[in-house]
Amino acid sequence: MNEFKVTDKMRSWQKTYPVWVSGVSVAVLLVIWEVICRSGVVSALFLPSPTGILSALVDMLAGGEIATSLAASLYRIVLGFVLGSVIGLAVGLFTGTSALIDRIGTPIVNALYPIPKIALLPLFILWLGIGELSKVTIIALGVFFPVAMNTYSGVKNNEV
């Protein structure tokens, strides 16, 4: 039997780069972005400049707007995560332990799982409005399927 030996033909300077190369690449990207924005190639409405973003961040930090928005976002995330987890855990436990519920629930969960959850956002906005309910629902839906399917698999594969 023939054996093949793979030889490494890369030079030492090709294998490793100093850490500063990563920093320089980010700096170059930011400079190009700033130049594109200042030259007027793209409207600031569609692509704000890095300096404009930084100044808006400083203004929002000084005004306390960031803390308020962060608290509202965290509330939605935690509420959606808890609701999706609890419901997903219940569905996974019930479908994993009951043959009848398994026959009824598993095809429904498997049929709905491949749908991109963010694609349902316009429907949830139509059905539930633009308020907190539609936002929490889409987060809960994104959490529900992985929790339900993993709980179901865990219950089914339990070898006690």
N, C-alpha and C. Protein backbone atom coordinates (compact mmCIF):
# COMPACT_ATOMS: atom_id res chain seq x y z
N MET A 1 0.85 -1.17 0.00
CA MET A 1 0.00 0.00 0.00
C MET A 1 0.89 1.24 0.00
N ASN A 2 0.55 2.19 -0.83
CA ASN A 2 1.32 3.42 -0.92
C ASN A 2 0.92 4.38 0.19
N GLU A 3 1.90 5.00 0.75
CA GLU A 3 1.64 6.02 1.76
C GLU A 3 1.97 7.38 1.17
N PHE A 4 1.13 8.33 1.47
CA PHE A 4 1.35 9.67 0.98
C PHE A 4 1.70 10.57 2.15
N LYS A 5 2.68 11.38 1.94
CA LYS A 5 3.08 12.32 2.97
C LYS A 5 2.75 13.72 2.47
N VAL A 6 2.02 14.44 3.28
CA VAL A 6 1.67 15.81 2.93
C VAL A 6 2.73 16.72 3.51
N THR A 7 3.33 17.50 2.66
CA THR A 7 4.36 18.41 3.13
C THR A 7 3.78 19.81 3.26
N ASP A 8 4.18 20.46 4.30
CA ASP A 8 3.72 21.83 4.57
C ASP A 8 4.66 22.79 3.86
N LYS A 9 4.16 23.45 2.84
CA LYS A 9 5.00 24.34 2.05
C LYS A 9 4.84 25.80 2.44
N MET A 10 4.10 26.06 3.51
CA MET A 10 3.94 27.44 3.97
C MET A 10 5.21 27.89 4.68
N ARG A 11 5.59 29.11 4.43
CA ARG A 11 6.74 29.69 5.11
C ARG A 11 6.32 30.13 6.51
N SER A 12 7.28 30.35 7.37
CA SER A 12 6.95 30.72 8.75
C SER A 12 6.19 32.04 8.82
N TRP A 13 6.51 32.99 7.95
CA TRP A 13 5.80 34.26 7.97
C TRP A 13 4.36 34.13 7.49
N GLN A 14 4.03 33.04 6.80
CA GLN A 14 2.67 32.81 6.34
C GLN A 14 1.81 32.15 7.41
N LYS A 15 2.41 31.54 8.39
CA LYS A 15 1.67 30.78 9.39
C LYS A 15 1.17 31.63 10.55
N THR A 16 1.93 32.61 10.94
CA THR A 16 1.53 33.42 12.09
C THR A 16 1.63 34.90 11.76
N TYR A 17 0.77 35.63 12.37
CA TYR A 17 0.78 37.08 12.21
C TYR A 17 0.71 37.69 13.60
N PRO A 18 1.31 38.85 13.76
CA PRO A 18 1.23 39.50 15.07
C PRO A 18 -0.20 39.94 15.37
N VAL A 19 -0.49 40.13 16.63
CA VAL A 19 -1.84 40.49 17.07
C VAL A 19 -2.28 41.83 16.50
N TRP A 20 -1.36 42.74 16.28
CA TRP A 20 -1.73 44.06 15.82
C TRP A 20 -2.36 44.05 14.42
N VAL A 21 -2.16 42.98 13.67
CA VAL A 21 -2.75 42.90 12.32
C VAL A 21 -4.28 42.94 12.40
N SER A 22 -4.84 42.27 13.39
CA SER A 22 -6.30 42.28 13.56
C SER A 22 -6.80 43.69 13.88
N GLY A 23 -6.09 44.38 14.75
CA GLY A 23 -6.48 45.75 15.10
C GLY A 23 -6.39 46.69 13.91
N VAL A 24 -5.34 46.53 13.14
CA VAL A 24 -5.17 47.37 11.96
C VAL A 24 -6.27 47.11 10.94
N SER A 25 -6.66 45.85 10.75
CA SER A 25 -7.71 45.54 9.78
C SER A 25 -9.04 46.18 10.19
N VAL A 26 -9.35 46.17 11.49
CA VAL A 26 -10.58 46.81 11.96
C VAL A 26 -10.49 48.32 11.77
N ALA A 27 -9.32 48.90 12.07
CA ALA A 27 -9.14 50.34 11.91
C ALA A 27 -9.29 50.75 10.44
N VAL A 28 -8.70 49.96 9.54
CA VAL A 28 -8.82 50.26 8.11
C VAL A 28 -10.28 50.19 7.66
N LEU A 29 -11.00 49.17 8.14
CA LEU A 29 -12.42 49.06 7.80
C LEU A 29 -13.20 50.28 8.28
N LEU A 30 -12.94 50.72 9.50
CA LEU A 30 -13.63 51.90 10.05
C LEU A 30 -13.29 53.16 9.26
N VAL A 31 -12.05 53.31 8.84
CA VAL A 31 -11.65 54.48 8.05
C VAL A 31 -12.35 54.47 6.69
N ILE A 32 -12.38 53.31 6.05
CA ILE A 32 -13.08 53.20 4.75
C ILE A 32 -14.55 53.52 4.92
N TRP A 33 -15.16 53.02 5.96
CA TRP A 33 -16.57 53.28 6.25
C TRP A 33 -16.79 54.78 6.45
N GLU A 34 -15.94 55.42 7.22
CA GLU A 34 -16.06 56.87 7.48
C GLU A 34 -15.91 57.67 6.19
N VAL A 35 -14.94 57.30 5.35
CA VAL A 35 -14.71 58.00 4.09
C VAL A 35 -15.92 57.86 3.17
N ILE A 36 -16.50 56.66 3.11
CA ILE A 36 -17.67 56.44 2.26
C ILE A 36 -18.83 57.32 2.74
N CYS A 37 -19.02 57.40 4.04
CA CYS A 37 -20.13 58.19 4.58
C CYS A 37 -19.91 59.68 4.38
N ARG A 38 -18.71 60.16 4.60
CA ARG A 38 -18.42 61.60 4.46
C ARG A 38 -18.41 62.05 3.01
N SER A 39 -18.09 61.14 2.09
CA SER A 39 -18.04 61.52 0.68
C SER A 39 -19.44 61.65 0.08
N GLY A 40 -20.44 61.13 0.77
CA GLY A 40 -21.81 61.25 0.28
C GLY A 40 -22.22 60.15 -0.67
N VAL A 41 -21.41 59.13 -0.81
CA VAL A 41 -21.74 58.00 -1.69
C VAL A 41 -23.02 57.33 -1.21
N VAL A 42 -23.14 57.19 0.12
CA VAL A 42 -24.32 56.59 0.72
C VAL A 42 -24.91 57.61 1.69
N SER A 43 -26.21 57.74 1.67
CA SER A 43 -26.88 58.67 2.57
C SER A 43 -26.70 58.25 4.03
N ALA A 44 -26.57 59.22 4.92
CA ALA A 44 -26.44 58.95 6.35
C ALA A 44 -27.70 58.29 6.90
N LEU A 45 -28.80 58.42 6.20
CA LEU A 45 -30.03 57.77 6.61
C LEU A 45 -29.90 56.25 6.52
N PHE A 46 -29.16 55.78 5.51
CA PHE A 46 -29.00 54.34 5.29
C PHE A 46 -27.72 53.78 5.92
N LEU A 47 -26.69 54.58 6.01
CA LEU A 47 -25.41 54.13 6.57
C LEU A 47 -24.78 55.28 7.35
N PRO A 48 -25.06 55.36 8.64
CA PRO A 48 -24.44 56.44 9.42
C PRO A 48 -22.95 56.19 9.60
N SER A 49 -22.21 57.26 9.76
CA SER A 49 -20.75 57.13 9.91
C SER A 49 -20.41 56.62 11.31
N PRO A 50 -19.24 56.01 11.45
CA PRO A 50 -18.81 55.56 12.78
C PRO A 50 -18.74 56.69 13.80
N THR A 51 -18.27 57.88 13.37
CA THR A 51 -18.22 59.00 14.32
C THR A 51 -19.62 59.47 14.69
N GLY A 52 -20.55 59.40 13.75
CA GLY A 52 -21.93 59.77 14.05
C GLY A 52 -22.57 58.79 15.04
N ILE A 53 -22.26 57.51 14.86
CA ILE A 53 -22.77 56.49 15.78
C ILE A 53 -22.18 56.69 17.17
N LEU A 54 -20.88 56.98 17.23
CA LEU A 54 -20.22 57.19 18.51
C LEU A 54 -20.77 58.41 19.23
N SER A 55 -21.00 59.50 18.49
CA SER A 55 -21.55 60.70 19.15
C SER A 55 -22.98 60.47 19.62
N ALA A 56 -23.78 59.71 18.86
CA ALA A 56 -25.14 59.39 19.29
C ALA A 56 -25.11 58.51 20.54
N LEU A 57 -24.15 57.58 20.61
CA LEU A 57 -24.00 56.74 21.79
C LEU A 57 -23.67 57.58 23.02
N VAL A 58 -22.75 58.51 22.87
CA VAL A 58 -22.38 59.38 23.99
C VAL A 58 -23.59 60.19 24.45
N ASP A 59 -24.34 60.74 23.50
CA ASP A 59 -25.54 61.52 23.86
C ASP A 59 -26.58 60.66 24.57
N MET A 60 -26.78 59.43 24.10
CA MET A 60 -27.77 58.54 24.71
C MET A 60 -27.32 58.07 26.09
N LEU A 61 -26.02 57.86 26.26
CA LEU A 61 -25.51 57.49 27.58
C LEU A 61 -25.69 58.65 28.56
N ALA A 62 -25.40 59.85 28.12
CA ALA A 62 -25.52 61.03 28.98
C ALA A 62 -26.98 61.29 29.35
N GLY A 63 -27.89 61.04 28.42
CA GLY A 63 -29.31 61.29 28.67
C GLY A 63 -30.02 60.16 29.39
N GLY A 64 -29.37 59.03 29.56
CA GLY A 64 -29.98 57.89 30.24
C GLY A 64 -30.91 57.07 29.37
N GLU A 65 -30.94 57.36 28.10
CA GLU A 65 -31.84 56.65 27.18
C GLU A 65 -31.41 55.19 26.98
N ILE A 66 -30.11 54.94 27.01
CA ILE A 66 -29.59 53.58 26.82
C ILE A 66 -30.08 52.67 27.94
N ALA A 67 -30.02 53.14 29.17
CA ALA A 67 -30.43 52.32 30.31
C ALA A 67 -31.92 51.97 30.22
N THR A 68 -32.73 52.91 29.83
CA THR A 68 -34.17 52.65 29.69
C THR A 68 -34.45 51.63 28.59
N SER A 69 -33.81 51.82 27.45
CA SER A 69 -34.01 50.89 26.33
C SER A 69 -33.47 49.51 26.66
N LEU A 70 -32.33 49.45 27.34
CA LEU A 70 -31.75 48.17 27.73
C LEU A 70 -32.66 47.43 28.70
N ALA A 71 -33.24 48.15 29.64
CA ALA A 71 -34.15 47.52 30.60
C ALA A 71 -35.39 46.97 29.89
N ALA A 72 -35.94 47.72 28.95
CA ALA A 72 -37.11 47.25 28.21
C ALA A 72 -36.78 46.01 27.38
N SER A 73 -35.61 46.00 26.74
CA SER A 73 -35.21 44.85 25.94
C SER A 73 -34.97 43.63 26.81
N LEU A 74 -34.30 43.81 27.93
CA LEU A 74 -34.06 42.68 28.83
C LEU A 74 -35.36 42.12 29.38
N TYR A 75 -36.32 42.98 29.67
CA TYR A 75 -37.63 42.52 30.14
C TYR A 75 -38.28 41.63 29.09
N ARG A 76 -38.28 42.07 27.84
CA ARG A 76 -38.87 41.27 26.76
C ARG A 76 -38.15 39.94 26.59
N ILE A 77 -36.84 39.98 26.63
CA ILE A 77 -36.05 38.76 26.43
C ILE A 77 -36.29 37.76 27.54
N VAL A 78 -36.25 38.23 28.78
CA VAL A 78 -36.44 37.32 29.92
C VAL A 78 -37.85 36.75 29.92
N LEU A 79 -38.86 37.60 29.69
CA LEU A 79 -40.24 37.13 29.68
C LEU A 79 -40.46 36.12 28.55
N GLY A 80 -39.96 36.43 27.35
CA GLY A 80 -40.10 35.50 26.23
C GLY A 80 -39.36 34.20 26.46
N PHE A 81 -38.18 34.28 27.06
CA PHE A 81 -37.41 33.08 27.35
C PHE A 81 -38.12 32.20 28.37
N VAL A 82 -38.64 32.81 29.43
CA VAL A 82 -39.32 32.03 30.47
C VAL A 82 -40.58 31.39 29.90
N LEU A 83 -41.39 32.16 29.19
CA LEU A 83 -42.64 31.61 28.62
C LEU A 83 -42.34 30.49 27.61
N GLY A 84 -41.41 30.74 26.70
CA GLY A 84 -41.06 29.72 25.70
C GLY A 84 -40.47 28.47 26.33
N SER A 85 -39.66 28.65 27.36
CA SER A 85 -39.05 27.50 28.04
C SER A 85 -40.07 26.68 28.80
N VAL A 86 -40.95 27.35 29.52
CA VAL A 86 -41.95 26.62 30.31
C VAL A 86 -42.90 25.86 29.39
N ILE A 87 -43.38 26.51 28.36
CA ILE A 87 -44.31 25.85 27.44
C ILE A 87 -43.59 24.75 26.66
N GLY A 88 -42.36 25.01 26.21
CA GLY A 88 -41.59 24.00 25.50
C GLY A 88 -41.27 22.80 26.37
N LEU A 89 -40.95 23.05 27.64
CA LEU A 89 -40.68 21.97 28.57
C LEU A 89 -41.93 21.11 28.78
N ALA A 90 -43.07 21.77 28.94
CA ALA A 90 -44.32 21.03 29.14
C ALA A 90 -44.66 20.19 27.90
N VAL A 91 -44.56 20.80 26.73
CA VAL A 91 -44.87 20.07 25.50
C VAL A 91 -43.89 18.91 25.30
N GLY A 92 -42.61 19.14 25.55
CA GLY A 92 -41.63 18.07 25.41
C GLY A 92 -41.86 16.93 26.39
N LEU A 93 -42.22 17.27 27.64
CA LEU A 93 -42.50 16.23 28.63
C LEU A 93 -43.75 15.44 28.27
N PHE A 94 -44.80 16.15 27.89
CA PHE A 94 -46.06 15.45 27.56
C PHE A 94 -45.92 14.59 26.32
N THR A 95 -45.27 15.10 25.27
CA THR A 95 -45.13 14.29 24.06
C THR A 95 -44.14 13.15 24.27
N GLY A 96 -43.20 13.32 25.17
CA GLY A 96 -42.23 12.27 25.42
C GLY A 96 -42.74 11.15 26.32
N THR A 97 -43.75 11.46 27.15
CA THR A 97 -44.22 10.45 28.10
C THR A 97 -45.56 9.84 27.74
N SER A 98 -46.32 10.47 26.86
CA SER A 98 -47.63 9.94 26.49
C SER A 98 -47.65 9.57 25.01
N ALA A 99 -48.01 8.33 24.72
CA ALA A 99 -48.05 7.87 23.33
C ALA A 99 -49.11 8.63 22.52
N LEU A 100 -50.27 8.90 23.13
CA LEU A 100 -51.34 9.61 22.43
C LEU A 100 -50.91 11.04 22.10
N ILE A 101 -50.37 11.73 23.09
CA ILE A 101 -49.93 13.12 22.85
C ILE A 101 -48.74 13.14 21.90
N ASP A 102 -47.92 12.11 21.93
CA ASP A 102 -46.81 12.00 21.00
C ASP A 102 -47.34 11.92 19.57
N ARG A 103 -48.34 11.09 19.36
CA ARG A 103 -48.94 10.93 18.02
C ARG A 103 -49.61 12.22 17.54
N ILE A 104 -50.18 12.97 18.46
CA ILE A 104 -50.88 14.21 18.10
C ILE A 104 -49.90 15.38 17.96
N GLY A 105 -49.01 15.56 18.94
CA GLY A 105 -48.18 16.76 19.01
C GLY A 105 -46.93 16.75 18.17
N THR A 106 -46.28 15.61 18.03
CA THR A 106 -45.01 15.56 17.32
C THR A 106 -45.12 15.98 15.86
N PRO A 107 -46.13 15.53 15.10
CA PRO A 107 -46.22 16.01 13.71
C PRO A 107 -46.44 17.51 13.61
N ILE A 108 -47.18 18.07 14.56
CA ILE A 108 -47.42 19.52 14.53
C ILE A 108 -46.13 20.28 14.81
N VAL A 109 -45.41 19.86 15.85
CA VAL A 109 -44.14 20.52 16.19
C VAL A 109 -43.15 20.36 15.04
N ASN A 110 -43.05 19.17 14.48
CA ASN A 110 -42.11 18.94 13.38
C ASN A 110 -42.49 19.70 12.12
N ALA A 111 -43.77 19.94 11.91
CA ALA A 111 -44.20 20.70 10.73
C ALA A 111 -43.93 22.19 10.90
N LEU A 112 -44.06 22.71 12.11
CA LEU A 112 -43.88 24.14 12.34
C LEU A 112 -42.43 24.54 12.59
N TYR A 113 -41.60 23.58 13.00
CA TYR A 113 -40.22 23.89 13.36
C TYR A 113 -39.41 24.53 12.22
N PRO A 114 -39.50 24.03 10.98
CA PRO A 114 -38.64 24.60 9.92
C PRO A 114 -38.99 26.02 9.50
N ILE A 115 -40.15 26.52 9.88
CA ILE A 115 -40.54 27.87 9.49
C ILE A 115 -39.63 28.87 10.21
N PRO A 116 -38.99 29.78 9.48
CA PRO A 116 -38.17 30.79 10.14
C PRO A 116 -39.06 31.65 11.06
N LYS A 117 -38.68 31.71 12.30
CA LYS A 117 -39.53 32.38 13.29
C LYS A 117 -39.66 33.87 13.00
N ILE A 118 -38.60 34.49 12.51
CA ILE A 118 -38.64 35.92 12.23
C ILE A 118 -39.58 36.20 11.05
N ALA A 119 -39.82 35.21 10.19
CA ALA A 119 -40.73 35.39 9.07
C ALA A 119 -42.17 35.52 9.55
N LEU A 120 -42.44 35.05 10.75
CA LEU A 120 -43.79 35.15 11.32
C LEU A 120 -44.05 36.49 11.99
N LEU A 121 -43.02 37.30 12.14
CA LEU A 121 -43.18 38.59 12.83
C LEU A 121 -44.26 39.48 12.20
N PRO A 122 -44.33 39.62 10.87
CA PRO A 122 -45.42 40.43 10.32
C PRO A 122 -46.81 39.90 10.69
N LEU A 123 -46.96 38.58 10.72
CA LEU A 123 -48.25 38.02 11.12
C LEU A 123 -48.56 38.32 12.57
N PHE A 124 -47.56 38.19 13.44
CA PHE A 124 -47.78 38.48 14.86
C PHE A 124 -48.10 39.96 15.07
N ILE A 125 -47.50 40.83 14.28
CA ILE A 125 -47.81 42.26 14.40
C ILE A 125 -49.25 42.51 13.96
N LEU A 126 -49.69 41.84 12.90
CA LEU A 126 -51.09 41.99 12.47
C LEU A 126 -52.05 41.44 13.50
N TRP A 127 -51.74 40.27 14.06
CA TRP A 127 -52.64 39.62 15.00
C TRP A 127 -52.59 40.25 16.38
N LEU A 128 -51.39 40.59 16.85
CA LEU A 128 -51.22 41.00 18.24
C LEU A 128 -50.89 42.48 18.41
N GLY A 129 -50.69 43.19 17.31
CA GLY A 129 -50.34 44.60 17.40
C GLY A 129 -48.83 44.78 17.46
N ILE A 130 -48.42 46.04 17.52
CA ILE A 130 -46.99 46.35 17.49
C ILE A 130 -46.40 46.48 18.88
N GLY A 131 -47.20 46.23 19.89
CA GLY A 131 -46.76 46.40 21.27
C GLY A 131 -45.89 45.26 21.77
N GLU A 132 -45.83 45.15 23.08
CA GLU A 132 -44.97 44.18 23.74
C GLU A 132 -45.36 42.74 23.44
N LEU A 133 -46.65 42.47 23.28
CA LEU A 133 -47.12 41.09 23.12
C LEU A 133 -46.52 40.42 21.89
N SER A 134 -46.48 41.12 20.77
CA SER A 134 -45.92 40.51 19.56
C SER A 134 -44.42 40.29 19.70
N LYS A 135 -43.73 41.18 20.39
CA LYS A 135 -42.28 41.04 20.57
C LYS A 135 -41.96 39.87 21.50
N VAL A 136 -42.68 39.78 22.59
CA VAL A 136 -42.46 38.68 23.54
C VAL A 136 -42.85 37.35 22.90
N THR A 137 -43.90 37.34 22.10
CA THR A 137 -44.35 36.11 21.44
C THR A 137 -43.31 35.58 20.47
N ILE A 138 -42.68 36.45 19.69
CA ILE A 138 -41.69 35.97 18.73
C ILE A 138 -40.45 35.44 19.45
N ILE A 139 -40.10 36.03 20.58
CA ILE A 139 -38.98 35.52 21.38
C ILE A 139 -39.34 34.17 21.98
N ALA A 140 -40.55 34.08 22.53
CA ALA A 140 -41.00 32.82 23.12
C ALA A 140 -41.07 31.72 22.07
N LEU A 141 -41.51 32.06 20.88
CA LEU A 141 -41.58 31.06 19.81
C LEU A 141 -40.19 30.59 19.40
N GLY A 142 -39.23 31.50 19.38
CA GLY A 142 -37.86 31.12 19.06
C GLY A 142 -37.25 30.21 20.11
N VAL A 143 -37.69 30.33 21.36
CA VAL A 143 -37.18 29.49 22.44
C VAL A 143 -37.95 28.17 22.52
N PHE A 144 -39.23 28.21 22.21
CA PHE A 144 -40.11 27.05 22.39
C PHE A 144 -39.61 25.80 21.66
N PHE A 145 -39.30 25.91 20.38
CA PHE A 145 -38.99 24.73 19.59
C PHE A 145 -37.72 24.00 20.03
N PRO A 146 -36.62 24.70 20.26
CA PRO A 146 -35.44 23.95 20.75
C PRO A 146 -35.68 23.29 22.10
N VAL A 147 -36.38 23.99 23.00
CA VAL A 147 -36.65 23.40 24.31
C VAL A 147 -37.57 22.20 24.18
N ALA A 148 -38.64 22.32 23.42
CA ALA A 148 -39.60 21.22 23.25
C ALA A 148 -38.93 20.01 22.61
N MET A 149 -38.16 20.23 21.56
CA MET A 149 -37.56 19.10 20.85
C MET A 149 -36.46 18.44 21.68
N ASN A 150 -35.68 19.22 22.39
CA ASN A 150 -34.62 18.63 23.22
C ASN A 150 -35.19 17.93 24.44
N THR A 151 -36.26 18.47 25.02
CA THR A 151 -36.90 17.80 26.14
C THR A 151 -37.51 16.48 25.69
N TYR A 152 -38.17 16.50 24.55
CA TYR A 152 -38.75 15.28 23.99
C TYR A 152 -37.66 14.23 23.76
N SER A 153 -36.54 14.64 23.15
CA SER A 153 -35.44 13.70 22.89
C SER A 153 -34.86 13.17 24.19
N GLY A 154 -34.74 14.04 25.18
CA GLY A 154 -34.21 13.61 26.47
C GLY A 154 -35.10 12.61 27.15
N VAL A 155 -36.41 12.82 27.09
CA VAL A 155 -37.35 11.89 27.72
C VAL A 155 -37.36 10.56 26.96
N LYS A 156 -37.35 10.61 25.64
CA LYS A 156 -37.40 9.40 24.84
C LYS A 156 -36.11 8.57 24.97
N ASN A 157 -35.00 9.23 25.14
CA ASN A 157 -33.72 8.53 25.21
C ASN A 157 -33.28 8.20 26.62
N ASN A 158 -34.14 8.46 27.58
CA ASN A 158 -33.82 8.16 28.97
C ASN A 158 -33.77 6.64 29.15
N GLU A 159 -32.66 6.13 29.60
CA GLU A 159 -32.49 4.70 29.73
C GLU A 159 -32.49 4.29 31.20
N VAL A 160 -33.61 4.49 31.85
CA VAL A 160 -33.72 4.11 33.26
C VAL A 160 -34.42 2.77 33.37
